[in-house]
Amino acid sequence: MATEGYIAGSGFSPRRVGAALTHTWHKGLGALRLVLRTTSGRIGLPIVLVHAVIFVAGSWLAPYSFTSFNLAEDGTLEQLVGPSRHFLLGTDQFGRDILSRVMSGSTSLIAVAGSGTLLGIAMGSIVGMGSAYMGKWVDEVVMRIMDGLMSFPSLLMALLVISALGPNVLYIVATVAIVTTPGVARVMRSATLTLKEQEFVQSARLRGESAPYIIFREILPNTLPVMGVELTVRLSYSILIVASLGFLGLGVQPPSPDWGLMISQGRQFLSSAPWVALAPAGAVASLIVGVNLLTDGIRQASNMPREVAP
């Protein structure tokens, strides 16, 4: 019946979409098991999981409020106090606990970088798979647009957009997505060009399946290894972009803690109180290292080449 699908006779129904998502989920779990068989995956995944826990519950697990100005017994600020049992990572120039600010700052950086990356992956996958499947002049026009966007350095494009629009969180997410989309589109296009000639895709065409059904049910599940690598690689770039914007004062604005901004504000104390800058810098570095190790584990598990287009 026509009511079973969005388009009469297309076969693109909610039930089939649900089956496609379920199939994709099981493929993802299988890929995760393979990743855990690699050394890089076993090291990188725990690091990423620790950051994930801090991202979700950092504000509740933090020993102090990230805005609290801690006072000594004589009523003076606990300024630039070194690491101790009261302040495990010391305090900053305003007497605020560094550990609490690092844990709370995880939320803003990972949320912004992760949201922008996911949006960019989604947009790039749709553009790349759709362009490759349609082919001909559509593919040519779309790819030339993507090439034009890729010609701009990522950080430069982000600076231009944020400088013009202002340091708004939504603008930062959109900028990260725009920067991420072209590279993902090209990678997904290459994967789709290979898959569209396979027998199972040709069989779906002969059955009269619609283009959306073939893309999301037949092609998408088989691109999961590629998409997994792209997600982790692009997330590393996104974290660096968001942290760089924060360092330049164009990221999340005070009083919200931001790792990039904390590093920038702590530079002047590198000789007298290095923990002020080193703590957030270590947090950024550990997150990127964890993500890169996890990426390497995914590469090894899926027998993919180490080179991934930037």
C-alpha atoms as a PDB file:
ATOM      1  CA  MET A   1       0.000   0.000   0.000  1.00  0.00           C
ATOM      2  CA  ALA A   2       1.095   3.572  -0.608  1.00  0.00           C
ATOM      3  CA  THR A   3       0.715   4.422   3.094  1.00  0.00           C
ATOM      4  CA  GLU A   4       3.542   2.055   4.021  1.00  0.00           C
ATOM      5  CA  GLY A   5       6.216   4.329   2.550  1.00  0.00           C
ATOM      6  CA  TYR A   6       6.983   7.991   2.252  1.00  0.00           C
ATOM      7  CA  ILE A   7       6.735   7.653  -1.532  1.00  0.00           C
ATOM      8  CA  ALA A   8       4.282   5.243  -3.065  1.00  0.00           C
ATOM      9  CA  GLY A   9       6.052   2.243  -4.507  1.00  0.00           C
ATOM     10  CA  SER A  10       9.478   3.412  -3.391  1.00  0.00           C
ATOM     11  CA  GLY A  11       9.894   0.823  -0.651  1.00  0.00           C
ATOM     12  CA  PHE A  12      11.434   3.545   1.553  1.00  0.00           C
ATOM     13  CA  SER A  13       9.314   2.956   4.664  1.00  0.00           C
ATOM     14  CA  PRO A  14       9.901   3.649   8.385  1.00  0.00           C
ATOM     15  CA  ARG A  15      10.185  -0.103   8.965  1.00  0.00           C
ATOM     16  CA  ARG A  16      12.998  -0.389   6.451  1.00  0.00           C
ATOM     17  CA  VAL A  17      14.728   2.678   7.897  1.00  0.00           C
ATOM     18  CA  GLY A  18      14.536   1.066  11.346  1.00  0.00           C
ATOM     19  CA  ALA A  19      15.992  -2.165   9.978  1.00  0.00           C
ATOM     20  CA  ALA A  20      18.805  -0.203   8.370  1.00  0.00           C
ATOM     21  CA  LEU A  21      19.609   1.567  11.643  1.00  0.00           C
ATOM     22  CA  THR A  22      19.553  -1.733  13.563  1.00  0.00           C
ATOM     23  CA  HIS A  23      21.860  -3.318  11.018  1.00  0.00           C
ATOM     24  CA  THR A  24      24.177  -0.297  11.271  1.00  0.00           C
ATOM     25  CA  TRP A  25      24.218  -0.560  15.081  1.00  0.00           C
ATOM     26  CA  HIS A  26      25.243  -4.226  15.000  1.00  0.00           C
ATOM     27  CA  LYS A  27      27.949  -3.468  12.450  1.00  0.00           C
ATOM     28  CA  GLY A  28      29.258  -0.770  14.807  1.00  0.00           C
ATOM     29  CA  LEU A  29      29.418  -3.156  17.762  1.00  0.00           C
ATOM     30  CA  GLY A  30      31.307  -5.661  15.652  1.00  0.00           C
ATOM     31  CA  ALA A  31      33.788  -2.976  14.632  1.00  0.00           C
ATOM     32  CA  LEU A  32      34.301  -2.001  18.306  1.00  0.00           C
ATOM     33  CA  ARG A  33      35.199  -5.598  19.197  1.00  0.00           C
ATOM     34  CA  LEU A  34      37.803  -5.604  16.441  1.00  0.00           C
ATOM     35  CA  VAL A  35      39.269  -2.305  17.687  1.00  0.00           C
ATOM     36  CA  LEU A  36      39.746  -3.739  21.178  1.00  0.00           C
ATOM     37  CA  ARG A  37      41.930  -6.480  19.694  1.00  0.00           C
ATOM     38  CA  THR A  38      44.561  -3.888  18.746  1.00  0.00           C
ATOM     39  CA  THR A  39      47.135  -2.378  21.129  1.00  0.00           C
ATOM     40  CA  SER A  40      46.328   1.183  20.066  1.00  0.00           C
ATOM     41  CA  GLY A  41      42.638   0.572  20.587  1.00  0.00           C
ATOM     42  CA  ARG A  42      43.129  -0.902  24.058  1.00  0.00           C
ATOM     43  CA  ILE A  43      45.186   2.149  25.108  1.00  0.00           C
ATOM     44  CA  GLY A  44      43.235   4.852  23.308  1.00  0.00           C
ATOM     45  CA  LEU A  45      39.719   3.722  24.211  1.00  0.00           C
ATOM     46  CA  PRO A  46      40.203   3.997  28.029  1.00  0.00           C
ATOM     47  CA  ILE A  47      41.669   7.492  27.629  1.00  0.00           C
ATOM     48  CA  VAL A  48      38.704   8.545  25.523  1.00  0.00           C
ATOM     49  CA  LEU A  49      36.289   6.933  27.992  1.00  0.00           C
ATOM     50  CA  VAL A  50      37.867   8.839  30.923  1.00  0.00           C
ATOM     51  CA  HIS A  51      37.378  12.082  29.033  1.00  0.00           C
ATOM     52  CA  ALA A  52      33.829  10.997  28.217  1.00  0.00           C
ATOM     53  CA  VAL A  53      33.064  10.481  31.930  1.00  0.00           C
ATOM     54  CA  ILE A  54      34.548  13.885  32.767  1.00  0.00           C
ATOM     55  CA  PHE A  55      32.548  15.405  29.919  1.00  0.00           C
ATOM     56  CA  VAL A  56      29.282  13.958  31.247  1.00  0.00           C
ATOM     57  CA  ALA A  57      29.828  14.339  35.003  1.00  0.00           C
ATOM     58  CA  GLY A  58      32.789  16.719  35.337  1.00  0.00           C
ATOM     59  CA  SER A  59      30.770  19.537  36.893  1.00  0.00           C
ATOM     60  CA  TRP A  60      29.397  17.173  39.559  1.00  0.00           C
ATOM     61  CA  LEU A  61      32.696  15.379  40.211  1.00  0.00           C
ATOM     62  CA  ALA A  62      34.715  18.601  40.510  1.00  0.00           C
ATOM     63  CA  PRO A  63      35.739  19.311  44.134  1.00  0.00           C
ATOM     64  CA  TYR A  64      34.905  23.036  43.866  1.00  0.00           C
ATOM     65  CA  SER A  65      32.795  25.291  41.722  1.00  0.00           C
ATOM     66  CA  PHE A  66      34.738  26.525  38.693  1.00  0.00           C
ATOM     67  CA  THR A  67      33.767  30.116  39.585  1.00  0.00           C
ATOM     68  CA  SER A  68      34.601  29.921  43.316  1.00  0.00           C
ATOM     69  CA  PHE A  69      37.306  32.298  44.571  1.00  0.00           C
ATOM     70  CA  ASN A  70      38.876  30.243  47.337  1.00  0.00           C
ATOM     71  CA  LEU A  71      39.963  32.120  50.466  1.00  0.00           C
ATOM     72  CA  ALA A  72      42.644  31.265  53.007  1.00  0.00           C
ATOM     73  CA  GLU A  73      41.993  31.324  56.757  1.00  0.00           C
ATOM     74  CA  ASP A  74      43.123  34.952  56.954  1.00  0.00           C
ATOM     75  CA  GLY A  75      40.608  35.945  54.274  1.00  0.00           C
ATOM     76  CA  THR A  76      43.098  36.394  51.423  1.00  0.00           C
ATOM     77  CA  LEU A  77      42.725  34.728  48.042  1.00  0.00           C
ATOM     78  CA  GLU A  78      44.484  31.406  47.506  1.00  0.00           C
ATOM     79  CA  GLN A  79      46.258  32.818  44.461  1.00  0.00           C
ATOM     80  CA  LEU A  80      48.708  30.657  42.490  1.00  0.00           C
ATOM     81  CA  VAL A  81      48.877  28.004  45.188  1.00  0.00           C
ATOM     82  CA  GLY A  82      50.821  24.953  44.060  1.00  0.00           C
ATOM     83  CA  PRO A  83      49.359  21.458  43.870  1.00  0.00           C
ATOM     84  CA  SER A  84      48.406  20.184  47.308  1.00  0.00           C
ATOM     85  CA  ARG A  85      45.914  17.862  48.985  1.00  0.00           C
ATOM     86  CA  HIS A  86      43.357  20.700  49.003  1.00  0.00           C
ATOM     87  CA  PHE A  87      44.008  21.766  45.411  1.00  0.00           C
ATOM     88  CA  LEU A  88      45.327  18.787  43.470  1.00  0.00           C
ATOM     89  CA  LEU A  89      46.343  20.880  40.449  1.00  0.00           C
ATOM     90  CA  GLY A  90      46.821  24.166  42.283  1.00  0.00           C
ATOM     91  CA  THR A  91      44.921  27.430  41.856  1.00  0.00           C
ATOM     92  CA  ASP A  92      45.023  30.212  39.285  1.00  0.00           C
ATOM     93  CA  GLN A  93      45.621  33.948  39.661  1.00  0.00           C
ATOM     94  CA  PHE A  94      42.083  34.431  40.989  1.00  0.00           C
ATOM     95  CA  GLY A  95      42.237  31.637  43.555  1.00  0.00           C
ATOM     96  CA  ARG A  96      40.080  29.250  41.515  1.00  0.00           C
ATOM     97  CA  ASP A  97      40.756  25.520  41.649  1.00  0.00           C
ATOM     98  CA  ILE A  98      42.481  24.430  38.436  1.00  0.00           C
ATOM     99  CA  LEU A  99      41.245  20.829  38.624  1.00  0.00           C
ATOM    100  CA  SER A 100      37.618  21.960  38.923  1.00  0.00           C
ATOM    101  CA  ARG A 101      38.005  24.328  36.003  1.00  0.00           C
ATOM    102  CA  VAL A 102      39.681  21.679  33.825  1.00  0.00           C
ATOM    103  CA  MET A 103      36.947  19.148  34.617  1.00  0.00           C
ATOM    104  CA  SER A 104      34.161  21.663  33.987  1.00  0.00           C
ATOM    105  CA  GLY A 105      35.855  23.022  30.864  1.00  0.00           C
ATOM    106  CA  SER A 106      35.771  19.587  29.284  1.00  0.00           C
ATOM    107  CA  THR A 107      32.055  19.956  28.715  1.00  0.00           C
ATOM    108  CA  SER A 108      32.238  23.051  26.534  1.00  0.00           C
ATOM    109  CA  LEU A 109      35.191  21.985  24.387  1.00  0.00           C
ATOM    110  CA  ILE A 110      34.092  18.404  23.738  1.00  0.00           C
ATOM    111  CA  ALA A 111      30.447  19.403  23.238  1.00  0.00           C
ATOM    112  CA  VAL A 112      31.316  22.086  20.693  1.00  0.00           C
ATOM    113  CA  ALA A 113      33.988  20.034  18.886  1.00  0.00           C
ATOM    114  CA  GLY A 114      31.910  16.850  18.981  1.00  0.00           C
ATOM    115  CA  SER A 115      28.705  18.527  17.796  1.00  0.00           C
ATOM    116  CA  GLY A 116      30.497  20.262  14.956  1.00  0.00           C
ATOM    117  CA  THR A 117      32.251  17.037  13.947  1.00  0.00           C
ATOM    118  CA  LEU A 118      29.064  14.952  13.986  1.00  0.00           C
ATOM    119  CA  LEU A 119      27.240  17.579  11.964  1.00  0.00           C
ATOM    120  CA  GLY A 120      30.132  17.752   9.516  1.00  0.00           C
ATOM    121  CA  ILE A 121      30.285  13.952   9.220  1.00  0.00           C
ATOM    122  CA  ALA A 122      26.539  13.807   8.548  1.00  0.00           C
ATOM    123  CA  MET A 123      26.663  16.595   5.978  1.00  0.00           C
ATOM    124  CA  GLY A 124      29.803  15.260   4.316  1.00  0.00           C
ATOM    125  CA  SER A 125      28.425  11.710   4.161  1.00  0.00           C
ATOM    126  CA  ILE A 126      25.156  12.833   2.597  1.00  0.00           C
ATOM    127  CA  VAL A 127      26.934  15.088   0.102  1.00  0.00           C
ATOM    128  CA  GLY A 128      29.622  12.527  -0.769  1.00  0.00           C
ATOM    129  CA  MET A 129      27.359   9.483  -1.087  1.00  0.00           C
ATOM    130  CA  GLY A 130      24.634  11.401  -2.895  1.00  0.00           C
ATOM    131  CA  SER A 131      27.090  12.968  -5.313  1.00  0.00           C
ATOM    132  CA  ALA A 132      28.785   9.664  -6.120  1.00  0.00           C
ATOM    133  CA  TYR A 133      25.492   7.826  -6.544  1.00  0.00           C
ATOM    134  CA  MET A 134      23.987  10.488  -8.825  1.00  0.00           C
ATOM    135  CA  GLY A 135      27.179  10.826 -10.870  1.00  0.00           C
ATOM    136  CA  LYS A 136      27.544  12.800 -14.109  1.00  0.00           C
ATOM    137  CA  TRP A 137      27.274  16.601 -13.903  1.00  0.00           C
ATOM    138  CA  VAL A 138      25.853  16.546 -10.373  1.00  0.00           C
ATOM    139  CA  ASP A 139      28.986  14.829  -9.080  1.00  0.00           C
ATOM    140  CA  GLU A 140      31.212  17.223 -11.011  1.00  0.00           C
ATOM    141  CA  VAL A 141      29.533  20.392  -9.707  1.00  0.00           C
ATOM    142  CA  VAL A 142      29.320  19.226  -6.097  1.00  0.00           C
ATOM    143  CA  MET A 143      32.950  18.113  -5.973  1.00  0.00           C
ATOM    144  CA  ARG A 144      34.194  21.375  -7.427  1.00  0.00           C
ATOM    145  CA  ILE A 145      32.342  23.208  -4.655  1.00  0.00           C
ATOM    146  CA  MET A 146      33.944  20.906  -2.076  1.00  0.00           C
ATOM    147  CA  ASP A 147      37.363  21.522  -3.628  1.00  0.00           C
ATOM    148  CA  GLY A 148      36.790  25.258  -3.314  1.00  0.00           C
ATOM    149  CA  LEU A 149      35.984  24.929   0.381  1.00  0.00           C
ATOM    150  CA  MET A 150      39.008  22.680   0.947  1.00  0.00           C
ATOM    151  CA  SER A 151      41.321  25.293  -0.562  1.00  0.00           C
ATOM    152  CA  PHE A 152      40.917  27.436   2.565  1.00  0.00           C
ATOM    153  CA  PRO A 153      43.054  26.419   5.585  1.00  0.00           C
ATOM    154  CA  SER A 154      40.749  25.119   8.312  1.00  0.00           C
ATOM    155  CA  LEU A 155      41.823  27.492  11.064  1.00  0.00           C
ATOM    156  CA  LEU A 156      41.835  30.493   8.714  1.00  0.00           C
ATOM    157  CA  MET A 157      38.278  29.765   7.615  1.00  0.00           C
ATOM    158  CA  ALA A 158      37.200  29.351  11.225  1.00  0.00           C
ATOM    159  CA  LEU A 159      38.820  32.665  12.171  1.00  0.00           C
ATOM    160  CA  LEU A 160      37.157  34.470   9.274  1.00  0.00           C
ATOM    161  CA  VAL A 161      33.695  33.143  10.136  1.00  0.00           C
ATOM    162  CA  ILE A 162      33.954  33.700  13.894  1.00  0.00           C
ATOM    163  CA  SER A 163      35.515  37.160  13.470  1.00  0.00           C
ATOM    164  CA  ALA A 164      32.628  38.154  11.212  1.00  0.00           C
ATOM    165  CA  LEU A 165      29.786  36.591  13.190  1.00  0.00           C
ATOM    166  CA  GLY A 166      31.120  36.751  16.739  1.00  0.00           C
ATOM    167  CA  PRO A 167      32.152  34.114  19.302  1.00  0.00           C
ATOM    168  CA  ASN A 168      28.768  32.427  19.569  1.00  0.00           C
ATOM    169  CA  VAL A 169      28.645  28.712  20.411  1.00  0.00           C
ATOM    170  CA  LEU A 170      26.249  27.927  17.561  1.00  0.00           C
ATOM    171  CA  TYR A 171      28.476  29.771  15.098  1.00  0.00           C
ATOM    172  CA  ILE A 172      31.503  27.806  16.320  1.00  0.00           C
ATOM    173  CA  VAL A 173      29.645  24.498  15.872  1.00  0.00           C
ATOM    174  CA  ALA A 174      28.532  25.530  12.381  1.00  0.00           C
ATOM    175  CA  THR A 175      32.065  26.616  11.493  1.00  0.00           C
ATOM    176  CA  VAL A 176      33.544  23.288  12.604  1.00  0.00           C
ATOM    177  CA  ALA A 177      30.892  21.473  10.564  1.00  0.00           C
ATOM    178  CA  ILE A 178      31.630  23.547   7.458  1.00  0.00           C
ATOM    179  CA  VAL A 179      35.368  22.933   7.817  1.00  0.00           C
ATOM    180  CA  THR A 180      34.789  19.189   8.296  1.00  0.00           C
ATOM    181  CA  THR A 181      32.293  18.609   5.473  1.00  0.00           C
ATOM    182  CA  PRO A 182      34.486  18.852   2.323  1.00  0.00           C
ATOM    183  CA  GLY A 183      37.105  16.308   3.395  1.00  0.00           C
ATOM    184  CA  VAL A 184      34.484  13.850   4.596  1.00  0.00           C
ATOM    185  CA  ALA A 185      32.525  14.284   1.370  1.00  0.00           C
ATOM    186  CA  ARG A 186      35.517  13.353  -0.769  1.00  0.00           C
ATOM    187  CA  VAL A 187      36.334  10.270   1.311  1.00  0.00           C
ATOM    188  CA  MET A 188      32.721   9.079   1.357  1.00  0.00           C
ATOM    189  CA  ARG A 189      32.444   9.732  -2.372  1.00  0.00           C
ATOM    190  CA  SER A 190      35.430   7.469  -3.038  1.00  0.00           C
ATOM    191  CA  ALA A 191      33.951   4.704  -0.883  1.00  0.00           C
ATOM    192  CA  THR A 192      30.565   5.036  -2.579  1.00  0.00           C
ATOM    193  CA  LEU A 193      32.043   4.921  -6.085  1.00  0.00           C
ATOM    194  CA  THR A 194      33.539   1.548  -5.226  1.00  0.00           C
ATOM    195  CA  LEU A 195      30.388   0.184  -3.590  1.00  0.00           C
ATOM    196  CA  LYS A 196      27.869   1.380  -6.189  1.00  0.00           C
ATOM    197  CA  GLU A 197      29.252  -1.084  -8.733  1.00  0.00           C
ATOM    198  CA  GLN A 198      28.926  -4.071  -6.391  1.00  0.00           C
ATOM    199  CA  GLU A 199      26.366  -6.777  -7.097  1.00  0.00           C
ATOM    200  CA  PHE A 200      24.207  -6.099  -4.052  1.00  0.00           C
ATOM    201  CA  VAL A 201      23.715  -2.479  -5.137  1.00  0.00           C
ATOM    202  CA  GLN A 202      22.932  -3.517  -8.696  1.00  0.00           C
ATOM    203  CA  SER A 203      20.434  -6.058  -7.358  1.00  0.00           C
ATOM    204  CA  ALA A 204      18.701  -3.353  -5.352  1.00  0.00           C
ATOM    205  CA  ARG A 205      18.438  -1.213  -8.466  1.00  0.00           C
ATOM    206  CA  LEU A 206      16.921  -4.095 -10.424  1.00  0.00           C
ATOM    207  CA  ARG A 207      14.348  -4.584  -7.658  1.00  0.00           C
ATOM    208  CA  GLY A 208      13.285  -0.990  -8.228  1.00  0.00           C
ATOM    209  CA  GLU A 209      14.501   0.352  -4.870  1.00  0.00           C
ATOM    210  CA  SER A 210      14.683   4.119  -4.514  1.00  0.00           C
ATOM    211  CA  ALA A 211      17.959   6.026  -4.355  1.00  0.00           C
ATOM    212  CA  PRO A 212      17.535   6.950  -0.641  1.00  0.00           C
ATOM    213  CA  TYR A 213      16.899   3.301   0.223  1.00  0.00           C
ATOM    214  CA  ILE A 214      19.980   2.100  -1.671  1.00  0.00           C
ATOM    215  CA  ILE A 215      22.195   4.806  -0.144  1.00  0.00           C
ATOM    216  CA  PHE A 216      21.090   4.341   3.480  1.00  0.00           C
ATOM    217  CA  ARG A 217      20.339   0.595   3.475  1.00  0.00           C
ATOM    218  CA  GLU A 218      22.869  -0.882   1.075  1.00  0.00           C
ATOM    219  CA  ILE A 219      25.781   1.567   0.886  1.00  0.00           C
ATOM    220  CA  LEU A 220      25.843   3.284   4.298  1.00  0.00           C
ATOM    221  CA  PRO A 221      26.340   0.126   6.443  1.00  0.00           C
ATOM    222  CA  ASN A 222      29.312  -0.855   4.297  1.00  0.00           C
ATOM    223  CA  THR A 223      30.991   2.530   4.784  1.00  0.00           C
ATOM    224  CA  LEU A 224      31.005   2.318   8.601  1.00  0.00           C
ATOM    225  CA  PRO A 225      34.750   1.501   8.880  1.00  0.00           C
ATOM    226  CA  VAL A 226      35.555   4.501   6.700  1.00  0.00           C
ATOM    227  CA  MET A 227      33.123   6.691   8.633  1.00  0.00           C
ATOM    228  CA  GLY A 228      34.581   5.537  11.955  1.00  0.00           C
ATOM    229  CA  VAL A 229      38.090   6.544  10.929  1.00  0.00           C
ATOM    230  CA  GLU A 230      36.842   9.838   9.541  1.00  0.00           C
ATOM    231  CA  LEU A 231      34.936  10.603  12.749  1.00  0.00           C
ATOM    232  CA  THR A 232      37.935  10.108  15.010  1.00  0.00           C
ATOM    233  CA  VAL A 233      40.383  11.883  12.699  1.00  0.00           C
ATOM    234  CA  ARG A 234      38.077  14.864  12.184  1.00  0.00           C
ATOM    235  CA  LEU A 235      37.372  15.028  15.926  1.00  0.00           C
ATOM    236  CA  SER A 236      41.088  15.572  16.586  1.00  0.00           C
ATOM    237  CA  TYR A 237      41.143  18.447  14.094  1.00  0.00           C
ATOM    238  CA  SER A 238      37.956  19.896  15.582  1.00  0.00           C
ATOM    239  CA  ILE A 239      39.366  19.817  19.107  1.00  0.00           C
ATOM    240  CA  LEU A 240      42.451  21.690  17.910  1.00  0.00           C
ATOM    241  CA  ILE A 241      40.324  24.263  16.072  1.00  0.00           C
ATOM    242  CA  VAL A 242      38.038  24.890  19.050  1.00  0.00           C
ATOM    243  CA  ALA A 243      40.994  25.041  21.462  1.00  0.00           C
ATOM    244  CA  SER A 244      42.801  27.445  19.110  1.00  0.00           C
ATOM    245  CA  LEU A 245      39.749  29.700  18.917  1.00  0.00           C
ATOM    246  CA  GLY A 246      39.552  29.672  22.719  1.00  0.00           C
ATOM    247  CA  PHE A 247      43.258  30.505  22.959  1.00  0.00           C
ATOM    248  CA  LEU A 248      42.666  33.533  20.712  1.00  0.00           C
ATOM    249  CA  GLY A 249      39.653  34.629  22.762  1.00  0.00           C
ATOM    250  CA  LEU A 250      37.118  33.662  20.090  1.00  0.00           C
ATOM    251  CA  GLY A 251      35.803  30.508  21.730  1.00  0.00           C
ATOM    252  CA  VAL A 252      33.525  29.988  24.716  1.00  0.00           C
ATOM    253  CA  GLN A 253      33.525  33.225  26.673  1.00  0.00           C
ATOM    254  CA  PRO A 254      34.166  33.741  30.416  1.00  0.00           C
ATOM    255  CA  PRO A 255      33.091  32.955  33.069  1.00  0.00           C
ATOM    256  CA  SER A 256      32.615  29.515  31.446  1.00  0.00           C
ATOM    257  CA  PRO A 257      35.924  27.622  31.647  1.00  0.00           C
ATOM    258  CA  ASP A 258      37.578  26.848  28.311  1.00  0.00           C
ATOM    259  CA  TRP A 259      40.828  24.920  27.982  1.00  0.00           C
ATOM    260  CA  GLY A 260      42.161  27.116  25.188  1.00  0.00           C
ATOM    261  CA  LEU A 261      41.396  30.314  27.084  1.00  0.00           C
ATOM    262  CA  MET A 262      42.906  28.862  30.278  1.00  0.00           C
ATOM    263  CA  ILE A 263      46.138  28.119  28.418  1.00  0.00           C
ATOM    264  CA  SER A 264      46.199  31.656  27.034  1.00  0.00           C
ATOM    265  CA  GLN A 265      45.608  33.264  30.434  1.00  0.00           C
ATOM    266  CA  GLY A 266      48.188  31.018  32.105  1.00  0.00           C
ATOM    267  CA  ARG A 267      51.056  31.823  29.721  1.00  0.00           C
ATOM    268  CA  GLN A 268      52.233  34.727  31.838  1.00  0.00           C
ATOM    269  CA  PHE A 269      52.714  32.423  34.833  1.00  0.00           C
ATOM    270  CA  LEU A 270      54.775  29.707  33.091  1.00  0.00           C
ATOM    271  CA  SER A 271      57.896  30.610  35.076  1.00  0.00           C
ATOM    272  CA  SER A 272      56.280  31.162  38.475  1.00  0.00           C
ATOM    273  CA  ALA A 273      53.184  28.907  38.394  1.00  0.00           C
ATOM    274  CA  PRO A 274      53.428  26.586  35.372  1.00  0.00           C
ATOM    275  CA  TRP A 275      50.509  24.414  36.528  1.00  0.00           C
ATOM    276  CA  VAL A 276      48.053  27.150  35.533  1.00  0.00           C
ATOM    277  CA  ALA A 277      48.774  26.583  31.818  1.00  0.00           C
ATOM    278  CA  LEU A 278      50.132  23.035  31.874  1.00  0.00           C
ATOM    279  CA  ALA A 279      46.991  21.485  33.394  1.00  0.00           C
ATOM    280  CA  PRO A 280      44.588  22.515  30.587  1.00  0.00           C
ATOM    281  CA  ALA A 281      47.337  21.926  27.991  1.00  0.00           C
ATOM    282  CA  GLY A 282      47.792  18.395  29.332  1.00  0.00           C
ATOM    283  CA  ALA A 283      44.033  17.846  29.150  1.00  0.00           C
ATOM    284  CA  VAL A 284      43.943  18.881  25.484  1.00  0.00           C
ATOM    285  CA  ALA A 285      47.018  16.790  24.680  1.00  0.00           C
ATOM    286  CA  SER A 286      45.724  13.660  26.431  1.00  0.00           C
ATOM    287  CA  LEU A 287      42.369  13.910  24.677  1.00  0.00           C
ATOM    288  CA  ILE A 288      43.961  14.276  21.251  1.00  0.00           C
ATOM    289  CA  VAL A 289      46.434  11.448  21.939  1.00  0.00           C
ATOM    290  CA  GLY A 290      43.597   9.192  23.087  1.00  0.00           C
ATOM    291  CA  VAL A 291      41.520   9.979  20.017  1.00  0.00           C
ATOM    292  CA  ASN A 292      44.488   9.421  17.699  1.00  0.00           C
ATOM    293  CA  LEU A 293      45.326   6.076  19.328  1.00  0.00           C
ATOM    294  CA  LEU A 294      41.702   5.033  18.983  1.00  0.00           C
ATOM    295  CA  THR A 295      41.831   6.103  15.351  1.00  0.00           C
ATOM    296  CA  ASP A 296      44.924   3.986  14.790  1.00  0.00           C
ATOM    297  CA  GLY A 297      43.131   1.044  16.393  1.00  0.00           C
ATOM    298  CA  ILE A 298      40.211   1.492  14.022  1.00  0.00           C
ATOM    299  CA  ARG A 299      42.608   1.613  11.060  1.00  0.00           C
ATOM    300  CA  GLN A 300      44.305  -1.586  12.115  1.00  0.00           C
ATOM    301  CA  ALA A 301      41.020  -3.337  12.830  1.00  0.00           C
ATOM    302  CA  SER A 302      39.558  -2.464   9.450  1.00  0.00           C
ATOM    303  CA  ASN A 303      42.803  -3.116   7.512  1.00  0.00           C
ATOM    304  CA  MET A 304      42.681   0.376   6.105  1.00  0.00           C
ATOM    305  CA  PRO A 305      45.700   2.369   4.890  1.00  0.00           C
ATOM    306  CA  ARG A 306      47.222   4.772   7.383  1.00  0.00           C
ATOM    307  CA  GLU A 307      46.830   7.783   5.105  1.00  0.00           C
ATOM    308  CA  VAL A 308      43.496   9.569   5.468  1.00  0.00           C
ATOM    309  CA  ALA A 309      42.781  12.656   3.373  1.00  0.00           C
ATOM    310  CA  PRO A 310      42.901  15.843   5.513  1.00  0.00           C
END
